C-alpha atoms as a PDB file:
ATOM      1  CA  MET A   1      29.603 187.819  11.532  1.00  0.00           C
ATOM      2  CA  LYS A   2      33.448 188.180  10.352  1.00  0.00           C
ATOM      3  CA  LEU A   3      34.381 187.696  14.547  1.00  0.00           C
ATOM      4  CA  LYS A   4      32.039 184.380  14.780  1.00  0.00           C
ATOM      5  CA  GLU A   5      33.409 183.050  11.415  1.00  0.00           C
ATOM      6  CA  ARG A   6      37.096 183.816  12.676  1.00  0.00           C
ATOM      7  CA  LEU A   7      36.321 182.087  15.918  1.00  0.00           C
ATOM      8  CA  LYS A   8      34.569 179.364  14.411  1.00  0.00           C
ATOM      9  CA  GLY A   9      37.344 178.845  11.805  1.00  0.00           C
ATOM     10  CA  LEU A  10      39.930 178.426  14.820  1.00  0.00           C
ATOM     11  CA  ILE A  11      38.366 175.706  16.504  1.00  0.00           C
ATOM     12  CA  GLU A  12      38.236 173.659  13.516  1.00  0.00           C
ATOM     13  CA  ARG A  13      41.774 174.020  13.238  1.00  0.00           C
ATOM     14  CA  PHE A  14      42.164 173.629  16.920  1.00  0.00           C
ATOM     15  CA  VAL A  15      40.081 169.860  16.281  1.00  0.00           C
ATOM     16  CA  ASP A  16      41.404 169.261  13.364  1.00  0.00           C
ATOM     17  CA  TRP A  17      45.137 169.732  15.215  1.00  0.00           C
ATOM     18  CA  PHE A  18      44.142 167.976  17.930  1.00  0.00           C
ATOM     19  CA  GLU A  19      42.695 164.500  16.005  1.00  0.00           C
ATOM     20  CA  HIS A  20      45.796 164.568  14.447  1.00  0.00           C
ATOM     21  CA  VAL A  21      48.601 165.066  17.022  1.00  0.00           C
ATOM     22  CA  ASN A  22      50.350 161.471  18.022  1.00  0.00           C
ATOM     23  CA  TRP A  23      49.685 161.755  21.728  1.00  0.00           C
ATOM     24  CA  ARG A  24      52.218 158.791  22.190  1.00  0.00           C
ATOM     25  CA  HIS A  25      54.786 160.554  20.781  1.00  0.00           C
ATOM     26  CA  VAL A  26      53.871 163.579  22.926  1.00  0.00           C
ATOM     27  CA  CYS A  27      53.295 161.367  26.228  1.00  0.00           C
ATOM     28  CA  ARG A  28      56.865 159.501  25.667  1.00  0.00           C
ATOM     29  CA  GLU A  29      58.655 162.720  24.802  1.00  0.00           C
ATOM     30  CA  ILE A  30      57.152 164.656  27.996  1.00  0.00           C
ATOM     31  CA  ILE A  31      58.275 161.213  29.820  1.00  0.00           C
ATOM     32  CA  ASP A  32      61.698 161.291  28.628  1.00  0.00           C
ATOM     33  CA  PHE A  33      61.662 165.413  29.372  1.00  0.00           C
ATOM     34  CA  VAL A  34      60.899 164.510  32.851  1.00  0.00           C
ATOM     35  CA  GLY A  35      63.391 162.198  33.412  1.00  0.00           C
ATOM     36  CA  ARG A  36      66.452 164.220  32.010  1.00  0.00           C
ATOM     37  CA  ILE A  37      65.330 166.853  34.607  1.00  0.00           C
ATOM     38  CA  MET A  38      65.261 164.222  37.363  1.00  0.00           C
ATOM     39  CA  HIS A  39      68.745 162.574  36.304  1.00  0.00           C
ATOM     40  CA  LYS A  40      70.082 166.050  36.122  1.00  0.00           C
ATOM     41  CA  LEU A  41      68.771 166.784  39.563  1.00  0.00           C
ATOM     42  CA  LEU A  42      69.760 163.447  41.317  1.00  0.00           C
ATOM     43  CA  PHE A  43      73.027 162.524  39.838  1.00  0.00           C
ATOM     44  CA  GLY A  44      74.192 166.270  39.107  1.00  0.00           C
ATOM     45  CA  VAL A  45      73.181 167.854  42.526  1.00  0.00           C
ATOM     46  CA  LEU A  46      71.091 166.075  44.987  1.00  0.00           C
ATOM     47  CA  LEU A  47      73.336 162.808  45.345  1.00  0.00           C
ATOM     48  CA  PRO A  48      76.809 163.641  46.951  1.00  0.00           C
ATOM     49  CA  LYS A  49      79.750 163.053  44.324  1.00  0.00           C
ATOM     50  CA  LYS A  50      81.146 159.562  45.201  1.00  0.00           C
ATOM     51  CA  TYR A  51      77.603 158.131  44.556  1.00  0.00           C
ATOM     52  CA  ARG A  52      77.546 159.856  40.724  1.00  0.00           C
ATOM     53  CA  ASN A  53      79.006 157.565  39.026  1.00  0.00           C
ATOM     54  CA  ILE A  54      76.881 154.426  40.891  1.00  0.00           C
ATOM     55  CA  THR A  55      76.476 151.694  38.384  1.00  0.00           C
ATOM     56  CA  LYS A  56      72.525 150.620  37.592  1.00  0.00           C
ATOM     57  CA  ARG A  57      73.324 147.111  38.748  1.00  0.00           C
ATOM     58  CA  GLN A  58      74.503 148.812  41.933  1.00  0.00           C
ATOM     59  CA  ILE A  59      70.776 151.013  42.975  1.00  0.00           C
ATOM     60  CA  PHE A  60      69.436 147.995  41.557  1.00  0.00           C
ATOM     61  CA  ASP A  61      70.986 145.694  44.746  1.00  0.00           C
ATOM     62  CA  ILE A  62      70.335 148.855  46.977  1.00  0.00           C
ATOM     63  CA  ILE A  63      66.470 149.319  46.420  1.00  0.00           C
ATOM     64  CA  PHE A  64      65.165 145.614  45.429  1.00  0.00           C
ATOM     65  CA  LYS A  65      67.410 143.592  47.696  1.00  0.00           C
ATOM     66  CA  SER A  66      67.302 143.898  51.482  1.00  0.00           C
ATOM     67  CA  ASP A  67      69.391 140.747  51.613  1.00  0.00           C
ATOM     68  CA  SER A  68      72.682 143.114  51.009  1.00  0.00           C
ATOM     69  CA  PRO A  69      73.410 145.544  54.213  1.00  0.00           C
ATOM     70  CA  ALA A  70      73.172 148.404  51.846  1.00  0.00           C
ATOM     71  CA  GLY A  71      70.054 147.140  50.832  1.00  0.00           C
ATOM     72  CA  ARG A  72      68.394 146.508  54.525  1.00  0.00           C
ATOM     73  CA  LYS A  73      69.677 150.243  55.300  1.00  0.00           C
ATOM     74  CA  PHE A  74      67.828 151.632  52.533  1.00  0.00           C
ATOM     75  CA  ASP A  75      64.675 149.667  53.379  1.00  0.00           C
ATOM     76  CA  ILE A  76      64.787 151.008  56.749  1.00  0.00           C
ATOM     77  CA  TRP A  77      65.468 154.140  56.247  1.00  0.00           C
ATOM     78  CA  LEU A  78      62.202 154.187  53.545  1.00  0.00           C
ATOM     79  CA  LEU A  79      60.121 153.137  56.520  1.00  0.00           C
ATOM     80  CA  VAL A  80      61.179 155.540  58.848  1.00  0.00           C
ATOM     81  CA  LEU A  81      60.397 158.391  55.933  1.00  0.00           C
ATOM     82  CA  ILE A  82      56.970 156.833  55.034  1.00  0.00           C
ATOM     83  CA  ILE A  83      55.879 156.238  58.770  1.00  0.00           C
ATOM     84  CA  LEU A  84      57.483 160.270  59.482  1.00  0.00           C
ATOM     85  CA  ASN A  85      55.242 161.978  56.618  1.00  0.00           C
ATOM     86  CA  ILE A  86      51.845 160.091  57.976  1.00  0.00           C
ATOM     87  CA  LEU A  87      52.777 161.765  60.664  1.00  0.00           C
ATOM     88  CA  LEU A  88      53.121 164.715  59.365  1.00  0.00           C
ATOM     89  CA  LEU A  89      50.130 164.352  57.435  1.00  0.00           C
ATOM     90  CA  ILE A  90      47.841 164.114  60.393  1.00  0.00           C
ATOM     91  CA  PHE A  91      49.857 166.536  62.420  1.00  0.00           C
ATOM     92  CA  ASP A  92      48.633 169.047  59.160  1.00  0.00           C
ATOM     93  CA  SER A  93      45.324 168.121  59.495  1.00  0.00           C
ATOM     94  CA  LEU A  94      45.153 168.636  63.549  1.00  0.00           C
ATOM     95  CA  VAL A  95      46.900 172.329  62.573  1.00  0.00           C
ATOM     96  CA  GLY A  96      44.605 173.093  59.990  1.00  0.00           C
ATOM     97  CA  SER A  97      41.226 172.028  61.784  1.00  0.00           C
ATOM     98  CA  SER A  98      42.139 173.727  65.356  1.00  0.00           C
ATOM     99  CA  SER A  99      40.608 176.908  66.206  1.00  0.00           C
ATOM    100  CA  THR A 100      43.100 177.891  69.105  1.00  0.00           C
ATOM    101  CA  MET A 101      46.108 179.152  67.084  1.00  0.00           C
ATOM    102  CA  THR A 102      47.432 182.653  68.908  1.00  0.00           C
ATOM    103  CA  SER A 103      47.782 184.360  65.652  1.00  0.00           C
ATOM    104  CA  GLY A 104      47.316 184.507  62.111  1.00  0.00           C
ATOM    105  CA  ALA A 105      51.191 184.969  61.921  1.00  0.00           C
ATOM    106  CA  HIS A 106      51.948 181.574  63.687  1.00  0.00           C
ATOM    107  CA  LYS A 107      49.198 179.736  62.069  1.00  0.00           C
ATOM    108  CA  SER A 108      50.763 181.171  58.235  1.00  0.00           C
ATOM    109  CA  LEU A 109      54.114 179.468  59.964  1.00  0.00           C
ATOM    110  CA  SER A 110      52.793 176.407  60.576  1.00  0.00           C
ATOM    111  CA  PHE A 111      51.089 176.453  57.408  1.00  0.00           C
ATOM    112  CA  TRP A 112      54.575 176.822  55.409  1.00  0.00           C
ATOM    113  CA  ILE A 113      56.365 174.516  57.586  1.00  0.00           C
ATOM    114  CA  THR A 114      54.460 171.527  57.237  1.00  0.00           C
ATOM    115  CA  LYS A 115      53.631 172.138  53.557  1.00  0.00           C
ATOM    116  CA  GLY A 116      57.405 172.427  52.962  1.00  0.00           C
ATOM    117  CA  LEU A 117      58.062 169.356  54.760  1.00  0.00           C
ATOM    118  CA  GLU A 118      55.207 167.326  52.815  1.00  0.00           C
ATOM    119  CA  TRP A 119      56.765 168.580  49.447  1.00  0.00           C
ATOM    120  CA  GLY A 120      60.327 168.038  50.613  1.00  0.00           C
ATOM    121  CA  PHE A 121      59.172 164.098  51.370  1.00  0.00           C
ATOM    122  CA  THR A 122      57.325 164.129  48.123  1.00  0.00           C
ATOM    123  CA  LEU A 123      59.919 164.764  46.067  1.00  0.00           C
ATOM    124  CA  LEU A 124      62.424 162.091  48.050  1.00  0.00           C
ATOM    125  CA  PHE A 125      59.676 159.598  46.886  1.00  0.00           C
ATOM    126  CA  THR A 126      59.492 161.142  43.336  1.00  0.00           C
ATOM    127  CA  PHE A 127      63.174 160.655  43.508  1.00  0.00           C
ATOM    128  CA  GLU A 128      63.005 157.181  44.700  1.00  0.00           C
ATOM    129  CA  TYR A 129      60.621 155.842  41.993  1.00  0.00           C
ATOM    130  CA  TYR A 130      62.409 157.347  39.419  1.00  0.00           C
ATOM    131  CA  LEU A 131      65.646 155.109  40.464  1.00  0.00           C
ATOM    132  CA  ARG A 132      63.305 152.038  40.675  1.00  0.00           C
ATOM    133  CA  ILE A 133      62.269 152.741  37.223  1.00  0.00           C
ATOM    134  CA  TYR A 134      65.830 153.645  36.439  1.00  0.00           C
ATOM    135  CA  CYS A 135      67.910 150.745  37.150  1.00  0.00           C
ATOM    136  CA  LEU A 136      65.547 148.114  35.499  1.00  0.00           C
ATOM    137  CA  LYS A 137      65.925 146.761  32.156  1.00  0.00           C
ATOM    138  CA  ARG A 138      62.020 146.633  31.490  1.00  0.00           C
ATOM    139  CA  PRO A 139      61.049 149.062  33.415  1.00  0.00           C
ATOM    140  CA  LEU A 140      57.245 148.592  32.613  1.00  0.00           C
ATOM    141  CA  ARG A 141      56.693 145.169  34.473  1.00  0.00           C
ATOM    142  CA  TYR A 142      57.589 146.845  37.521  1.00  0.00           C
ATOM    143  CA  VAL A 143      55.241 150.163  36.417  1.00  0.00           C
ATOM    144  CA  PHE A 144      52.423 147.929  36.453  1.00  0.00           C
ATOM    145  CA  SER A 145      53.089 145.351  39.487  1.00  0.00           C
ATOM    146  CA  PHE A 146      51.141 145.413  42.234  1.00  0.00           C
ATOM    147  CA  TRP A 147      54.154 147.149  44.308  1.00  0.00           C
ATOM    148  CA  GLY A 148      55.089 149.669  41.188  1.00  0.00           C
ATOM    149  CA  ILE A 149      51.404 150.558  41.235  1.00  0.00           C
ATOM    150  CA  ILE A 150      51.402 151.074  45.042  1.00  0.00           C
ATOM    151  CA  ASP A 151      54.774 153.164  44.827  1.00  0.00           C
ATOM    152  CA  PHE A 152      52.964 155.321  42.074  1.00  0.00           C
ATOM    153  CA  LEU A 153      49.933 155.858  43.814  1.00  0.00           C
ATOM    154  CA  SER A 154      52.212 157.142  46.640  1.00  0.00           C
ATOM    155  CA  ILE A 155      53.701 159.834  45.082  1.00  0.00           C
ATOM    156  CA  PHE A 156      50.716 160.677  42.488  1.00  0.00           C
ATOM    157  CA  PRO A 157      47.850 162.248  45.170  1.00  0.00           C
ATOM    158  CA  ALA A 158      50.494 165.228  45.964  1.00  0.00           C
ATOM    159  CA  TYR A 159      50.971 165.790  42.946  1.00  0.00           C
ATOM    160  CA  LEU A 160      47.055 165.977  41.907  1.00  0.00           C
ATOM    161  CA  SER A 161      46.157 168.364  44.850  1.00  0.00           C
ATOM    162  CA  LEU A 162      47.840 170.964  42.797  1.00  0.00           C
ATOM    163  CA  PHE A 163      44.586 171.098  40.982  1.00  0.00           C
ATOM    164  CA  ILE A 164      42.180 169.328  43.652  1.00  0.00           C
ATOM    165  CA  PRO A 165      43.617 170.676  46.993  1.00  0.00           C
ATOM    166  CA  THR A 166      41.384 167.891  48.836  1.00  0.00           C
ATOM    167  CA  THR A 167      43.383 165.000  47.479  1.00  0.00           C
ATOM    168  CA  GLN A 168      46.389 165.731  49.651  1.00  0.00           C
ATOM    169  CA  ALA A 169      44.874 163.556  52.333  1.00  0.00           C
ATOM    170  CA  LEU A 170      45.309 160.732  49.790  1.00  0.00           C
ATOM    171  CA  THR A 171      48.973 160.819  50.184  1.00  0.00           C
ATOM    172  CA  VAL A 172      48.224 158.140  53.250  1.00  0.00           C
ATOM    173  CA  LEU A 173      48.407 155.680  50.777  1.00  0.00           C
ATOM    174  CA  ARG A 174      52.461 155.507  51.214  1.00  0.00           C
ATOM    175  CA  LEU A 175      51.485 153.765  54.351  1.00  0.00           C
ATOM    176  CA  LEU A 176      50.572 150.581  52.123  1.00  0.00           C
ATOM    177  CA  ARG A 177      54.718 150.630  51.719  1.00  0.00           C
ATOM    178  CA  VAL A 178      54.884 149.795  55.207  1.00  0.00           C
ATOM    179  CA  MET A 179      53.750 146.063  54.380  1.00  0.00           C
ATOM    180  CA  ARG A 180      57.596 145.686  52.295  1.00  0.00           C
ATOM    181  CA  ILE A 181      58.428 145.615  56.355  1.00  0.00           C
ATOM    182  CA  PHE A 182      57.486 141.087  56.058  1.00  0.00           C
ATOM    183  CA  ARG A 183      60.272 140.950  53.535  1.00  0.00           C
ATOM    184  CA  ILE A 184      62.996 143.591  54.767  1.00  0.00           C
ATOM    185  CA  PHE A 185      62.833 141.737  58.470  1.00  0.00           C
ATOM    186  CA  ARG A 186      62.331 138.394  56.782  1.00  0.00           C
ATOM    187  CA  LEU A 187      58.927 137.585  58.441  1.00  0.00           C
ATOM    188  CA  GLN A 188      58.518 134.576  56.944  1.00  0.00           C
ATOM    189  CA  ARG A 189      55.442 133.647  59.165  1.00  0.00           C
ATOM    190  CA  PHE A 190      53.785 136.882  58.651  1.00  0.00           C
ATOM    191  CA  GLN A 191      54.043 135.855  54.713  1.00  0.00           C
ATOM    192  CA  ASP A 192      53.064 132.757  55.200  1.00  0.00           C
ATOM    193  CA  ALA A 193      49.904 133.997  56.608  1.00  0.00           C
ATOM    194  CA  ALA A 194      49.291 137.029  54.203  1.00  0.00           C
ATOM    195  CA  THR A 195      49.842 134.439  51.467  1.00  0.00           C
ATOM    196  CA  LEU A 196      47.084 131.850  53.015  1.00  0.00           C
ATOM    197  CA  LEU A 197      44.935 135.054  54.066  1.00  0.00           C
ATOM    198  CA  THR A 198      45.148 136.095  49.958  1.00  0.00           C
ATOM    199  CA  ASN A 199      44.371 133.143  48.783  1.00  0.00           C
ATOM    200  CA  ALA A 200      41.474 132.093  50.483  1.00  0.00           C
ATOM    201  CA  LEU A 201      40.404 136.061  49.871  1.00  0.00           C
ATOM    202  CA  LYS A 202      40.546 134.644  46.218  1.00  0.00           C
ATOM    203  CA  ASN A 203      38.494 131.745  46.496  1.00  0.00           C
ATOM    204  CA  SER A 204      35.629 133.249  48.017  1.00  0.00           C
ATOM    205  CA  ALA A 205      35.595 136.092  46.145  1.00  0.00           C
ATOM    206  CA  LEU A 206      32.955 134.656  43.083  1.00  0.00           C
ATOM    207  CA  ARG A 207      30.728 133.811  46.242  1.00  0.00           C
ATOM    208  CA  ILE A 208      30.954 136.897  48.301  1.00  0.00           C
ATOM    209  CA  MET A 209      30.081 138.679  44.720  1.00  0.00           C
ATOM    210  CA  VAL A 210      26.810 136.312  44.851  1.00  0.00           C
ATOM    211  CA  PHE A 211      25.913 137.275  48.102  1.00  0.00           C
ATOM    212  CA  MET A 212      26.394 141.133  47.340  1.00  0.00           C
ATOM    213  CA  LEU A 213      24.429 140.697  44.282  1.00  0.00           C
ATOM    214  CA  PHE A 214      21.675 139.095  46.344  1.00  0.00           C
ATOM    215  CA  MET A 215      22.149 141.304  49.410  1.00  0.00           C
ATOM    216  CA  LEU A 216      21.445 144.524  47.059  1.00  0.00           C
ATOM    217  CA  VAL A 217      18.464 142.742  44.914  1.00  0.00           C
ATOM    218  CA  ALA A 218      17.046 142.786  48.644  1.00  0.00           C
ATOM    219  CA  ALA A 219      17.634 146.037  49.330  1.00  0.00           C
ATOM    220  CA  VAL A 220      15.808 146.751  46.888  1.00  0.00           C
ATOM    221  CA  ILE A 221      12.853 144.996  47.146  1.00  0.00           C
ATOM    222  CA  LEU A 222      12.608 145.993  50.640  1.00  0.00           C
ATOM    223  CA  GLY A 223      13.317 149.617  50.403  1.00  0.00           C
ATOM    224  CA  THR A 224      10.438 149.677  47.860  1.00  0.00           C
ATOM    225  CA  MET A 225       8.456 147.822  49.843  1.00  0.00           C
ATOM    226  CA  MET A 226       8.721 150.479  53.200  1.00  0.00           C
ATOM    227  CA  TYR A 227       8.205 153.350  50.366  1.00  0.00           C
ATOM    228  CA  SER A 228       4.412 151.971  49.344  1.00  0.00           C
ATOM    229  CA  ILE A 229       3.825 151.455  53.092  1.00  0.00           C
ATOM    230  CA  GLU A 230       5.454 154.498  54.549  1.00  0.00           C
ATOM    231  CA  GLY A 231       5.354 157.060  51.539  1.00  0.00           C
ATOM    232  CA  PRO A 232       1.699 158.434  52.462  1.00  0.00           C
ATOM    233  CA  TYR A 233       2.315 158.946  56.109  1.00  0.00           C
ATOM    234  CA  ASN A 234       5.545 159.607  56.706  1.00  0.00           C
ATOM    235  CA  PRO A 235       7.028 161.603  53.780  1.00  0.00           C
ATOM    236  CA  ASP A 236       9.554 163.433  55.463  1.00  0.00           C
ATOM    237  CA  HIS A 237      11.997 160.538  55.241  1.00  0.00           C
ATOM    238  CA  PHE A 238      10.755 158.276  53.157  1.00  0.00           C
ATOM    239  CA  ASP A 239       9.592 160.717  49.541  1.00  0.00           C
ATOM    240  CA  SER A 240      11.444 158.376  46.973  1.00  0.00           C
ATOM    241  CA  VAL A 241      12.353 154.961  46.436  1.00  0.00           C
ATOM    242  CA  LEU A 242      15.692 155.883  46.935  1.00  0.00           C
ATOM    243  CA  SER A 243      14.712 157.025  50.531  1.00  0.00           C
ATOM    244  CA  GLY A 244      13.445 153.316  51.336  1.00  0.00           C
ATOM    245  CA  ILE A 245      16.877 151.593  49.555  1.00  0.00           C
ATOM    246  CA  TYR A 246      18.950 153.542  51.878  1.00  0.00           C
ATOM    247  CA  TRP A 247      16.878 152.775  55.035  1.00  0.00           C
ATOM    248  CA  ALA A 248      17.000 148.834  53.953  1.00  0.00           C
ATOM    249  CA  VAL A 249      20.706 148.961  53.737  1.00  0.00           C
ATOM    250  CA  VAL A 250      21.127 151.021  56.843  1.00  0.00           C
ATOM    251  CA  THR A 251      18.950 148.251  58.954  1.00  0.00           C
ATOM    252  CA  ILE A 252      20.230 145.130  57.030  1.00  0.00           C
ATOM    253  CA  THR A 253      24.071 146.094  57.755  1.00  0.00           C
ATOM    254  CA  THR A 254      22.731 146.959  61.856  1.00  0.00           C
ATOM    255  CA  VAL A 255      24.040 150.284  60.996  1.00  0.00           C
ATOM    256  CA  GLY A 256      21.145 151.772  62.321  1.00  0.00           C
ATOM    257  CA  TYR A 257      22.135 155.644  61.994  1.00  0.00           C
ATOM    258  CA  GLY A 258      18.350 156.323  63.581  1.00  0.00           C
ATOM    259  CA  ASP A 259      17.478 159.174  60.833  1.00  0.00           C
ATOM    260  CA  VAL A 260      15.109 157.132  59.279  1.00  0.00           C
ATOM    261  CA  VAL A 261      12.261 155.864  61.228  1.00  0.00           C
ATOM    262  CA  PRO A 262       8.984 154.096  60.903  1.00  0.00           C
ATOM    263  CA  VAL A 263       5.943 155.380  61.976  1.00  0.00           C
ATOM    264  CA  THR A 264       3.372 153.098  61.059  1.00  0.00           C
ATOM    265  CA  ALA A 265       2.359 149.884  62.194  1.00  0.00           C
ATOM    266  CA  GLY A 266       3.165 147.834  58.915  1.00  0.00           C
ATOM    267  CA  GLY A 267       6.173 150.027  58.888  1.00  0.00           C
ATOM    268  CA  ARG A 268       7.598 148.543  61.947  1.00  0.00           C
ATOM    269  CA  PHE A 269       6.696 145.498  61.454  1.00  0.00           C
ATOM    270  CA  LEU A 270       8.492 145.095  58.150  1.00  0.00           C
ATOM    271  CA  ALA A 271      11.238 146.723  59.888  1.00  0.00           C
ATOM    272  CA  VAL A 272      11.948 144.194  62.769  1.00  0.00           C
ATOM    273  CA  LEU A 273      11.783 141.539  60.018  1.00  0.00           C
ATOM    274  CA  VAL A 274      14.849 143.284  58.042  1.00  0.00           C
ATOM    275  CA  MET A 275      16.623 143.710  61.470  1.00  0.00           C
ATOM    276  CA  LEU A 276      16.208 140.058  62.479  1.00  0.00           C
ATOM    277  CA  LEU A 277      17.531 139.429  58.573  1.00  0.00           C
ATOM    278  CA  GLY A 278      20.546 141.625  59.035  1.00  0.00           C
ATOM    279  CA  TYR A 279      21.736 139.671  61.919  1.00  0.00           C
ATOM    280  CA  SER A 280      20.932 136.242  60.305  1.00  0.00           C
ATOM    281  CA  ILE A 281      22.668 137.045  57.090  1.00  0.00           C
ATOM    282  CA  ILE A 282      25.732 139.157  58.448  1.00  0.00           C
ATOM    283  CA  ALA A 283      28.007 136.024  59.290  1.00  0.00           C
ATOM    284  CA  VAL A 284      27.422 134.664  55.547  1.00  0.00           C
ATOM    285  CA  PRO A 285      30.357 136.453  54.133  1.00  0.00           C
ATOM    286  CA  MET A 286      32.780 135.776  57.340  1.00  0.00           C
ATOM    287  CA  GLY A 287      32.215 132.017  57.543  1.00  0.00           C
ATOM    288  CA  ILE A 288      32.479 131.638  53.640  1.00  0.00           C
ATOM    289  CA  VAL A 289      36.303 133.496  54.270  1.00  0.00           C
ATOM    290  CA  ALA A 290      36.170 131.030  57.594  1.00  0.00           C
ATOM    291  CA  GLY A 291      35.980 128.114  55.583  1.00  0.00           C
ATOM    292  CA  GLU A 292      38.265 128.929  52.677  1.00  0.00           C
ATOM    293  CA  THR A 293      41.494 129.820  55.210  1.00  0.00           C
ATOM    294  CA  ILE A 294      40.433 126.416  56.435  1.00  0.00           C
ATOM    295  CA  ASN A 295      40.916 124.761  53.428  1.00  0.00           C
ATOM    296  CA  GLU A 296      44.109 126.391  52.691  1.00  0.00           C
ATOM    297  CA  SER A 297      45.466 126.029  56.110  1.00  0.00           C
ATOM    298  CA  ARG A 298      44.728 122.235  55.043  1.00  0.00           C
ATOM    299  CA  LYS A 299      46.383 122.495  51.829  1.00  0.00           C
ATOM    300  CA  ASP A 300      48.975 124.473  52.939  1.00  0.00           C
ATOM    301  CA  LYS A 301      50.093 121.460  55.610  1.00  0.00           C
ATOM    302  CA  ILE A 302      49.471 118.890  53.117  1.00  0.00           C
ATOM    303  CA  THR A 303      52.138 120.545  50.943  1.00  0.00           C
ATOM    304  CA  ARG A 304      54.579 121.022  53.459  1.00  0.00           C
ATOM    305  CA  LYS A 305      53.788 116.997  54.505  1.00  0.00           C
ATOM    306  CA  SER A 306      54.616 115.854  51.218  1.00  0.00           C
ATOM    307  CA  LEU A 307      57.743 118.145  50.465  1.00  0.00           C
ATOM    308  CA  LYS A 308      59.173 117.009  53.614  1.00  0.00           C
ATOM    309  CA  VAL A 309      58.565 113.108  52.555  1.00  0.00           C
ATOM    310  CA  VAL A 310      60.120 113.965  49.127  1.00  0.00           C
ATOM    311  CA  GLU A 311      63.083 115.385  51.352  1.00  0.00           C
ATOM    312  CA  ASP A 312      63.415 112.140  53.539  1.00  0.00           C
ATOM    313  CA  MET A 313      63.748 109.929  50.721  1.00  0.00           C
ATOM    314  CA  GLU A 314      66.011 111.666  49.211  1.00  0.00           C
ATOM    315  CA  LYS A 315      67.804 112.158  52.522  1.00  0.00           C
ATOM    316  CA  ASP A 316      67.236 108.320  52.499  1.00  0.00           C
ATOM    317  CA  PHE A 317      68.331 107.388  48.865  1.00  0.00           C
ATOM    318  CA  ASP A 318      71.929 109.213  50.012  1.00  0.00           C
ATOM    319  CA  GLU A 319      72.639 107.125  52.533  1.00  0.00           C
ATOM    320  CA  GLU A 320      72.334 104.472  50.666  1.00  0.00           C
ATOM    321  CA  GLU A 321      74.468 105.269  48.315  1.00  0.00           C
ATOM    322  CA  ASP A 322      76.930 106.164  50.322  1.00  0.00           C
ATOM    323  CA  ALA A 323      76.619 102.916  51.833  1.00  0.00           C
ATOM    324  CA  ILE A 324      77.001 101.134  48.783  1.00  0.00           C
ATOM    325  CA  HIS A 325      80.186 103.212  47.521  1.00  0.00           C
ATOM    326  CA  HIS A 326      82.105 102.338  51.125  1.00  0.00           C
END
């Protein structure tokens, strides 16, 4: 009884301590501590001496601006490292799943080499992420921006893999950072096309959501009907409503795994109707997006024409003023 009372008292004290801890302050202290360690490692050990006195403004110009020679070189090397990291990840998966290794020692050596390289890339990208935060006056704006979230997701899975090993493969998210190639090499036409497609997807999102909701309702109804028809005669495949819904989704989307097949005449007739329904509606989302893409293209052309007209008017006005002055 005394042991139980002691354990109960310890648990109560722990719960009371846990409730009264200022976790925001604790998290801030942890982040500051990690930041100080990274700063000392980076500016005291890793960087060459001639770069250790670099200012935040210089770091900002190198990391966030690709119009300078140093910034352009930094971004190109960053893209090269990302691609090499993805190739290493693919190679690691091939070596890990291969059964043709000649010896356990060879396999162990390749394992440690690939893991060492992977963590080397992870540390490089971690220091780069830290520098992006370090050189900004308002780092939270970058942290919660689109590119900030992408940069964070490119390094987070590696650290998560320390607790969940299978998440190591999610480091492939670093490939998303390659999209910066449009900005680095000033591929304005590709940027315009990406913007047009993004706007089209945003404008069609609500209609696609309504369509997906309709498809979900249709899959539930058709799956339940198939279960009621096939259940008594085909219990191995249609043993529940969820099995019927799975069959309906697979059939409507025209995937057709063939692992669940109706055997009754009524079930096959319903299957034919569902297959025809799948073929008839599969083009609906594409039509929605295509229509919005055409509308965005028209808006873009109208905007460009309007800007050109304004520029021509300003040019004519300037020429008239010059003529009057002369």
